[in-house]
Amino acid sequence: MPKASVKRLIECEKKDLIELVLDIEKYPEFVPFCFDAKIYENKQDGDLQKIIADLTIGKGPFKDTYKSDVAFNKKTDSIYVKNIEGPLNHLTNNWTFSDKNNGITEVTFDIDFEIKNKFLNSLMVVSFKFGLEKIADAFQKRAEELFGNSKN
């Protein structure tokens, strides 16, 4: 099962970075390997924002859609994602955000997943870390393009 963690310092206010991550329907515009995104439900429940969304991801001839349950906890500034259905045996990822100084946010992204198709899962293990770094780069670039100069 591929498991990884990425930590980045991003020139962006924490609230803006959280909004970027929660704007799931925009992912196809900038996230590598993401072809489509659709939000079915987005509701507040106390300190939790709960989102049900589909992401269509893939590479080359392989493309599939999975449904996720996304929960943003306003008290802890964290986003927890788990798959509900689709081509994955399981998926969990966790985003945590913390303010550093001068408009810098530290973001940590942990992911653990397993694809039902054993062949595809073994392919993902090989290229997973590279793909995750590309995705982290895309979020960082997008955040700095949209919000990096907002403090000036």
Protein backbone atom coordinates (compact mmCIF):
# COMPACT_ATOMS: atom_id res chain seq x y z
CA MET A 1 0.00 0.00 0.00
CA PRO A 2 1.47 3.34 -0.98
CA LYS A 3 1.96 5.64 2.00
CA ALA A 4 3.73 8.97 2.02
CA SER A 5 3.95 12.33 3.68
CA VAL A 6 4.90 15.69 2.20
CA LYS A 7 5.59 18.86 4.15
CA ARG A 8 5.88 22.28 2.53
CA LEU A 9 6.30 25.90 3.54
CA ILE A 10 4.05 27.94 1.28
CA GLU A 11 4.00 31.71 0.90
CA CYS A 12 0.29 32.06 1.56
CA GLU A 13 -2.04 32.80 4.48
CA LYS A 14 -3.38 29.67 6.18
CA LYS A 15 -7.06 30.51 5.56
CA ASP A 16 -6.39 31.00 1.83
CA LEU A 17 -4.52 27.71 1.56
CA ILE A 18 -7.34 25.85 3.32
CA GLU A 19 -9.87 27.43 0.93
CA LEU A 20 -7.73 26.32 -2.01
CA VAL A 21 -7.66 22.70 -0.80
CA LEU A 22 -11.42 22.74 -0.15
CA ASP A 23 -12.18 24.15 -3.63
CA ILE A 24 -12.26 20.62 -5.01
CA GLU A 25 -14.09 21.45 -8.23
CA LYS A 26 -11.10 23.55 -9.36
CA TYR A 27 -8.62 20.65 -9.06
CA PRO A 28 -8.78 19.74 -12.79
CA GLU A 29 -7.41 23.22 -13.56
CA PHE A 30 -4.11 22.62 -11.78
CA VAL A 31 -3.73 19.20 -10.13
CA PRO A 32 -1.77 16.68 -12.22
CA PHE A 33 -3.60 13.44 -12.99
CA CYS A 34 -7.00 15.00 -12.10
CA PHE A 35 -9.48 15.05 -14.99
CA ASP A 36 -12.75 15.94 -13.28
CA ALA A 37 -14.20 16.87 -9.89
CA LYS A 38 -17.75 17.18 -8.65
CA ILE A 39 -19.12 18.16 -5.24
CA TYR A 40 -22.39 16.47 -4.26
CA GLU A 41 -22.77 17.82 -0.76
CA ASN A 42 -21.19 20.67 1.21
CA LYS A 43 -22.60 21.38 4.67
CA GLN A 44 -21.62 22.78 8.04
CA ASP A 45 -21.96 20.66 11.17
CA GLY A 46 -20.67 22.67 14.12
CA ASP A 47 -16.91 23.06 13.71
CA LEU A 48 -16.88 20.61 10.79
CA GLN A 49 -17.38 21.36 7.14
CA LYS A 50 -18.41 18.12 5.43
CA ILE A 51 -18.05 17.59 1.69
CA ILE A 52 -18.92 14.58 -0.46
CA ALA A 53 -17.09 14.74 -3.79
CA ASP A 54 -15.98 12.71 -6.79
CA LEU A 55 -12.52 12.96 -8.30
CA THR A 56 -11.63 11.41 -11.64
CA ILE A 57 -7.93 10.66 -11.68
CA GLY A 58 -5.61 8.72 -13.91
CA LYS A 59 -2.55 8.53 -16.04
CA GLY A 60 -2.29 7.42 -19.63
CA PRO A 61 -5.03 4.91 -20.49
CA PHE A 62 -5.96 4.40 -16.83
CA LYS A 63 -8.66 6.70 -15.52
CA ASP A 64 -11.20 6.15 -12.76
CA THR A 65 -13.53 8.04 -10.44
CA TYR A 66 -13.74 7.68 -6.69
CA LYS A 67 -16.07 9.27 -4.18
CA SER A 68 -14.65 10.81 -1.00
CA ASP A 69 -15.86 12.05 2.32
CA VAL A 70 -13.97 15.26 3.18
CA ALA A 71 -14.12 16.81 6.65
CA PHE A 72 -12.55 20.17 7.49
CA ASN A 73 -12.14 20.71 11.24
CA LYS A 74 -12.04 24.45 11.93
CA LYS A 75 -10.70 23.97 15.47
CA THR A 76 -7.64 21.99 14.40
CA ASP A 77 -7.19 23.49 10.91
CA SER A 78 -7.05 20.01 9.43
CA ILE A 79 -8.77 18.26 6.54
CA TYR A 80 -9.39 14.52 6.69
CA VAL A 81 -10.37 12.59 3.56
CA LYS A 82 -11.49 8.98 3.19
CA ASN A 83 -12.86 7.17 0.17
CA ILE A 84 -16.47 6.04 0.12
CA GLU A 85 -16.56 4.11 -3.17
CA GLY A 86 -14.59 3.59 -6.35
CA PRO A 87 -11.47 1.75 -7.47
CA LEU A 88 -9.76 1.96 -4.07
CA ASN A 89 -9.75 -0.60 -1.28
CA HIS A 90 -9.06 2.35 0.96
CA LEU A 91 -7.83 5.92 0.91
CA THR A 92 -7.09 8.22 3.78
CA ASN A 93 -5.34 11.51 3.60
CA ASN A 94 -4.86 14.22 6.12
CA TRP A 95 -3.94 17.84 5.56
CA THR A 96 -2.70 19.95 8.48
CA PHE A 97 -1.99 23.66 8.29
CA SER A 98 -0.05 25.88 10.69
CA ASP A 99 0.89 29.54 10.58
CA LYS A 100 4.55 30.40 10.45
CA ASN A 101 5.72 34.00 10.33
CA ASN A 102 5.35 36.60 7.55
CA GLY A 103 2.41 35.00 5.75
CA ILE A 104 4.01 31.56 5.46
CA THR A 105 1.92 28.44 6.08
CA GLU A 106 3.33 25.01 6.80
CA VAL A 107 1.20 22.31 5.25
CA THR A 108 1.61 18.60 5.85
CA PHE A 109 -0.11 16.10 3.59
CA ASP A 110 -0.22 12.43 4.61
CA ILE A 111 -1.74 9.83 2.33
CA ASP A 112 -2.32 6.09 2.51
CA PHE A 113 -4.23 4.17 -0.15
CA GLU A 114 -4.60 0.88 -1.93
CA ILE A 115 -6.09 0.34 -5.39
CA LYS A 116 -8.36 -2.72 -5.77
CA ASN A 117 -6.59 -3.73 -9.00
CA LYS A 118 -3.37 -5.41 -7.79
CA PHE A 119 -1.52 -4.71 -11.05
CA LEU A 120 -2.34 -0.99 -10.96
CA ASN A 121 -1.51 -0.90 -7.26
CA SER A 122 1.96 -2.31 -7.93
CA LEU A 123 2.49 0.29 -10.69
CA MET A 124 1.45 3.07 -8.31
CA VAL A 125 3.91 1.95 -5.65
CA VAL A 126 6.75 2.56 -8.12
CA SER A 127 5.72 6.06 -9.24
CA PHE A 128 3.78 7.19 -6.18
CA LYS A 129 6.33 9.45 -4.48
CA PHE A 130 7.12 11.21 -7.75
CA GLY A 131 3.41 11.78 -8.42
CA LEU A 132 2.80 13.04 -4.90
CA GLU A 133 5.64 15.55 -5.22
CA LYS A 134 4.14 16.78 -8.53
CA ILE A 135 0.76 17.24 -6.84
CA ALA A 136 2.34 19.07 -3.89
CA ASP A 137 4.23 21.29 -6.35
CA ALA A 138 0.93 22.07 -8.13
CA PHE A 139 -0.82 23.13 -4.91
CA GLN A 140 2.17 25.25 -3.89
CA LYS A 141 2.40 26.94 -7.30
CA ARG A 142 -1.35 27.62 -7.40
CA ALA A 143 -1.40 29.04 -3.84
CA GLU A 144 1.55 31.32 -4.51
CA GLU A 145 0.04 32.49 -7.81
CA LEU A 146 -3.34 33.25 -6.24
CA PHE A 147 -2.37 34.46 -2.78
CA GLY A 148 1.41 34.85 -2.51
CA ASN A 149 1.38 38.62 -2.94
CA SER A 150 -1.78 39.24 -0.86
CA LYS A 151 0.25 40.42 2.11
CA ASN A 152 1.99 43.17 0.10
